[in-house]
Amino acid sequence: MKDKIVKLADGMEYCIVEEVINNNRKFCLAYEIDTKEDVVYNRFSILEEKLLNGNVVLDGVDGNERLEIAELLIEAIRNNIKESN
């Protein structure tokens, strides 16, 4: 889903910036947007991609796991910056 815009069931829209896989689970860093108003908000979220009844859903990540996943996402972004230079 990287570089994609996703709209959740609650109407929130996110642009997926980066993805990582950790322990066979997929996580992403996303920022909130509003395509109708053409607005980008300065609100980032760490989300887990899951399959629920055959549909892809995104759930928030909390607690200590959030910090661990944040570090993995930051490392992935650093690697992308190095590759582009």
N, C-alpha and C. Protein backbone atom coordinates (compact mmCIF):
# COMPACT_ATOMS: atom_id res chain seq x y z
N MET A 1 0.80 -1.20 0.00
CA MET A 1 0.00 0.00 0.00
C MET A 1 0.85 1.27 0.00
N LYS A 2 2.15 1.13 0.06
CA LYS A 2 3.02 2.30 0.12
C LYS A 2 2.70 3.26 -1.03
N ASP A 3 2.73 4.55 -0.72
CA ASP A 3 2.44 5.62 -1.67
C ASP A 3 0.99 5.62 -2.15
N LYS A 4 0.11 5.02 -1.39
CA LYS A 4 -1.31 4.98 -1.73
C LYS A 4 -2.11 5.81 -0.74
N ILE A 5 -3.25 6.27 -1.17
CA ILE A 5 -4.20 6.93 -0.29
C ILE A 5 -5.28 5.93 0.04
N VAL A 6 -5.56 5.78 1.34
CA VAL A 6 -6.60 4.84 1.78
C VAL A 6 -7.65 5.61 2.56
N LYS A 7 -8.88 5.19 2.41
CA LYS A 7 -9.99 5.78 3.15
C LYS A 7 -10.57 4.70 4.05
N LEU A 8 -10.61 4.99 5.34
CA LEU A 8 -11.11 4.02 6.31
C LEU A 8 -12.63 4.10 6.42
N ALA A 9 -13.21 3.10 7.05
CA ALA A 9 -14.67 3.03 7.18
C ALA A 9 -15.23 4.25 7.91
N ASP A 10 -14.43 4.84 8.80
CA ASP A 10 -14.91 6.02 9.55
C ASP A 10 -14.76 7.31 8.76
N GLY A 11 -14.30 7.22 7.49
CA GLY A 11 -14.17 8.38 6.63
C GLY A 11 -12.80 9.04 6.65
N MET A 12 -11.93 8.65 7.59
CA MET A 12 -10.59 9.22 7.66
C MET A 12 -9.78 8.75 6.46
N GLU A 13 -8.96 9.66 5.91
CA GLU A 13 -8.11 9.34 4.78
C GLU A 13 -6.65 9.48 5.19
N TYR A 14 -5.83 8.55 4.72
CA TYR A 14 -4.41 8.54 5.04
C TYR A 14 -3.60 8.28 3.78
N CYS A 15 -2.42 8.87 3.74
CA CYS A 15 -1.44 8.56 2.71
C CYS A 15 -0.37 7.70 3.38
N ILE A 16 -0.12 6.54 2.82
CA ILE A 16 0.85 5.61 3.38
C ILE A 16 2.25 6.02 2.93
N VAL A 17 3.13 6.32 3.90
CA VAL A 17 4.48 6.81 3.63
C VAL A 17 5.48 5.67 3.54
N GLU A 18 5.39 4.73 4.48
CA GLU A 18 6.37 3.65 4.57
C GLU A 18 5.71 2.42 5.14
N GLU A 19 6.27 1.25 4.82
CA GLU A 19 5.77 -0.02 5.34
C GLU A 19 6.93 -0.88 5.82
N VAL A 20 6.69 -1.67 6.85
CA VAL A 20 7.66 -2.65 7.33
C VAL A 20 6.91 -3.91 7.73
N ILE A 21 7.62 -5.02 7.70
CA ILE A 21 7.06 -6.29 8.18
C ILE A 21 7.88 -6.69 9.39
N ASN A 22 7.18 -7.02 10.48
CA ASN A 22 7.83 -7.43 11.72
C ASN A 22 7.04 -8.60 12.29
N ASN A 23 7.72 -9.73 12.51
CA ASN A 23 7.06 -10.93 13.04
C ASN A 23 5.84 -11.32 12.23
N ASN A 24 6.00 -11.33 10.90
CA ASN A 24 4.94 -11.70 9.96
C ASN A 24 3.70 -10.81 10.04
N ARG A 25 3.88 -9.58 10.54
CA ARG A 25 2.81 -8.59 10.60
C ARG A 25 3.27 -7.36 9.84
N LYS A 26 2.35 -6.73 9.12
CA LYS A 26 2.68 -5.57 8.29
C LYS A 26 2.20 -4.29 8.96
N PHE A 27 3.12 -3.32 9.06
CA PHE A 27 2.84 -2.04 9.69
C PHE A 27 3.14 -0.92 8.71
N CYS A 28 2.51 0.22 8.91
CA CYS A 28 2.78 1.36 8.04
C CYS A 28 2.76 2.66 8.81
N LEU A 29 3.47 3.63 8.26
CA LEU A 29 3.45 5.00 8.75
C LEU A 29 2.59 5.78 7.77
N ALA A 30 1.63 6.51 8.29
CA ALA A 30 0.70 7.24 7.42
C ALA A 30 0.43 8.62 7.99
N TYR A 31 0.10 9.55 7.09
CA TYR A 31 -0.32 10.87 7.56
C TYR A 31 -1.73 11.13 7.07
N GLU A 32 -2.45 11.92 7.87
CA GLU A 32 -3.86 12.18 7.60
C GLU A 32 -4.01 13.25 6.51
N ILE A 33 -4.95 13.01 5.61
CA ILE A 33 -5.24 13.96 4.53
C ILE A 33 -6.76 14.10 4.38
N ASP A 34 -7.15 15.08 3.59
CA ASP A 34 -8.55 15.25 3.22
C ASP A 34 -8.56 15.57 1.73
N THR A 35 -8.91 14.59 0.91
CA THR A 35 -8.87 14.79 -0.54
C THR A 35 -9.96 15.73 -1.03
N LYS A 36 -11.08 15.79 -0.32
CA LYS A 36 -12.16 16.71 -0.73
C LYS A 36 -11.75 18.16 -0.56
N GLU A 37 -11.07 18.45 0.56
CA GLU A 37 -10.64 19.81 0.85
C GLU A 37 -9.22 20.09 0.38
N ASP A 38 -8.55 19.06 -0.15
CA ASP A 38 -7.17 19.17 -0.61
C ASP A 38 -6.25 19.67 0.51
N VAL A 39 -6.35 18.98 1.67
CA VAL A 39 -5.60 19.36 2.87
C VAL A 39 -4.74 18.20 3.33
N VAL A 40 -3.51 18.53 3.76
CA VAL A 40 -2.62 17.57 4.40
C VAL A 40 -2.45 18.02 5.84
N TYR A 41 -2.75 17.14 6.79
CA TYR A 41 -2.64 17.46 8.20
C TYR A 41 -1.30 17.00 8.73
N ASN A 42 -0.82 17.66 9.75
CA ASN A 42 0.44 17.29 10.38
C ASN A 42 0.18 16.27 11.49
N ARG A 43 -0.52 15.19 11.14
CA ARG A 43 -0.85 14.13 12.08
C ARG A 43 -0.44 12.81 11.46
N PHE A 44 0.50 12.15 12.12
CA PHE A 44 1.00 10.87 11.65
C PHE A 44 0.47 9.75 12.54
N SER A 45 0.30 8.57 11.95
CA SER A 45 -0.16 7.40 12.70
C SER A 45 0.65 6.19 12.30
N ILE A 46 0.84 5.29 13.25
CA ILE A 46 1.42 3.99 12.97
C ILE A 46 0.26 3.00 13.00
N LEU A 47 0.08 2.29 11.90
CA LEU A 47 -1.07 1.41 11.73
C LEU A 47 -0.62 0.01 11.36
N GLU A 48 -1.40 -0.98 11.75
CA GLU A 48 -1.15 -2.36 11.36
C GLU A 48 -2.16 -2.78 10.32
N GLU A 49 -1.67 -3.38 9.24
CA GLU A 49 -2.54 -3.90 8.18
C GLU A 49 -2.97 -5.31 8.55
N LYS A 50 -4.28 -5.54 8.55
CA LYS A 50 -4.83 -6.86 8.90
C LYS A 50 -5.87 -7.27 7.87
N LEU A 51 -6.12 -8.56 7.79
CA LEU A 51 -7.22 -9.09 6.98
C LEU A 51 -8.38 -9.43 7.91
N LEU A 52 -9.55 -8.89 7.61
CA LEU A 52 -10.74 -9.15 8.40
C LEU A 52 -11.86 -9.50 7.44
N ASN A 53 -12.30 -10.74 7.48
CA ASN A 53 -13.36 -11.23 6.59
C ASN A 53 -13.02 -10.97 5.12
N GLY A 54 -11.75 -11.17 4.77
CA GLY A 54 -11.32 -10.99 3.39
C GLY A 54 -11.04 -9.56 2.99
N ASN A 55 -11.22 -8.61 3.90
CA ASN A 55 -10.96 -7.20 3.61
C ASN A 55 -9.72 -6.73 4.36
N VAL A 56 -8.96 -5.85 3.73
CA VAL A 56 -7.81 -5.24 4.39
C VAL A 56 -8.30 -4.11 5.28
N VAL A 57 -7.89 -4.15 6.55
CA VAL A 57 -8.24 -3.09 7.50
C VAL A 57 -6.95 -2.57 8.14
N LEU A 58 -7.00 -1.35 8.64
CA LEU A 58 -5.86 -0.76 9.34
C LEU A 58 -6.27 -0.48 10.77
N ASP A 59 -5.44 -0.95 11.71
CA ASP A 59 -5.68 -0.75 13.14
C ASP A 59 -4.53 0.06 13.72
N GLY A 60 -4.82 0.87 14.71
CA GLY A 60 -3.78 1.61 15.41
C GLY A 60 -2.88 0.68 16.22
N VAL A 61 -1.67 1.15 16.50
CA VAL A 61 -0.69 0.39 17.29
C VAL A 61 -0.41 1.21 18.54
N ASP A 62 -0.44 0.56 19.70
CA ASP A 62 -0.27 1.27 20.98
C ASP A 62 0.87 0.68 21.80
N GLY A 63 1.20 1.37 22.86
CA GLY A 63 2.12 0.87 23.88
C GLY A 63 3.55 0.72 23.40
N ASN A 64 4.26 -0.20 24.03
CA ASN A 64 5.66 -0.44 23.72
C ASN A 64 5.87 -0.88 22.29
N GLU A 65 4.91 -1.61 21.75
CA GLU A 65 5.03 -2.07 20.37
C GLU A 65 5.10 -0.88 19.41
N ARG A 66 4.40 0.18 19.73
CA ARG A 66 4.40 1.38 18.89
C ARG A 66 5.82 1.95 18.75
N LEU A 67 6.56 1.99 19.86
CA LEU A 67 7.93 2.50 19.83
C LEU A 67 8.84 1.60 19.00
N GLU A 68 8.67 0.30 19.17
CA GLU A 68 9.47 -0.67 18.40
C GLU A 68 9.21 -0.52 16.91
N ILE A 69 7.96 -0.43 16.52
CA ILE A 69 7.60 -0.30 15.11
C ILE A 69 8.04 1.05 14.57
N ALA A 70 7.95 2.10 15.38
CA ALA A 70 8.41 3.43 14.96
C ALA A 70 9.89 3.39 14.60
N GLU A 71 10.69 2.71 15.40
CA GLU A 71 12.12 2.59 15.12
C GLU A 71 12.36 1.86 13.80
N LEU A 72 11.60 0.81 13.53
CA LEU A 72 11.74 0.08 12.27
C LEU A 72 11.35 0.95 11.08
N LEU A 73 10.28 1.72 11.23
CA LEU A 73 9.84 2.60 10.15
C LEU A 73 10.87 3.70 9.89
N ILE A 74 11.44 4.26 10.94
CA ILE A 74 12.46 5.30 10.79
C ILE A 74 13.67 4.73 10.06
N GLU A 75 14.08 3.53 10.42
CA GLU A 75 15.21 2.90 9.74
C GLU A 75 14.92 2.67 8.26
N ALA A 76 13.71 2.26 7.94
CA ALA A 76 13.32 2.06 6.53
C ALA A 76 13.37 3.39 5.77
N ILE A 77 12.92 4.46 6.40
CA ILE A 77 12.95 5.78 5.76
C ILE A 77 14.40 6.21 5.55
N ARG A 78 15.26 6.00 6.55
CA ARG A 78 16.69 6.33 6.41
C ARG A 78 17.31 5.59 5.24
N ASN A 79 16.98 4.31 5.11
CA ASN A 79 17.52 3.51 4.01
C ASN A 79 17.06 4.04 2.66
N ASN A 80 15.80 4.48 2.58
CA ASN A 80 15.29 5.06 1.34
C ASN A 80 16.01 6.35 0.98
N ILE A 81 16.32 7.15 1.99
CA ILE A 81 17.04 8.42 1.74
C ILE A 81 18.44 8.11 1.22
N LYS A 82 19.12 7.15 1.82
CA LYS A 82 20.46 6.77 1.38
C LYS A 82 20.46 6.28 -0.06
N GLU A 83 19.43 5.49 -0.41
CA GLU A 83 19.35 4.94 -1.76
C GLU A 83 19.11 6.01 -2.81
N SER A 84 18.46 7.10 -2.42
CA SER A 84 18.12 8.12 -3.40
C SER A 84 19.27 9.11 -3.65
N ASN A 85 20.29 9.08 -2.82
CA ASN A 85 21.45 9.98 -3.00
C ASN A 85 22.46 9.42 -3.94
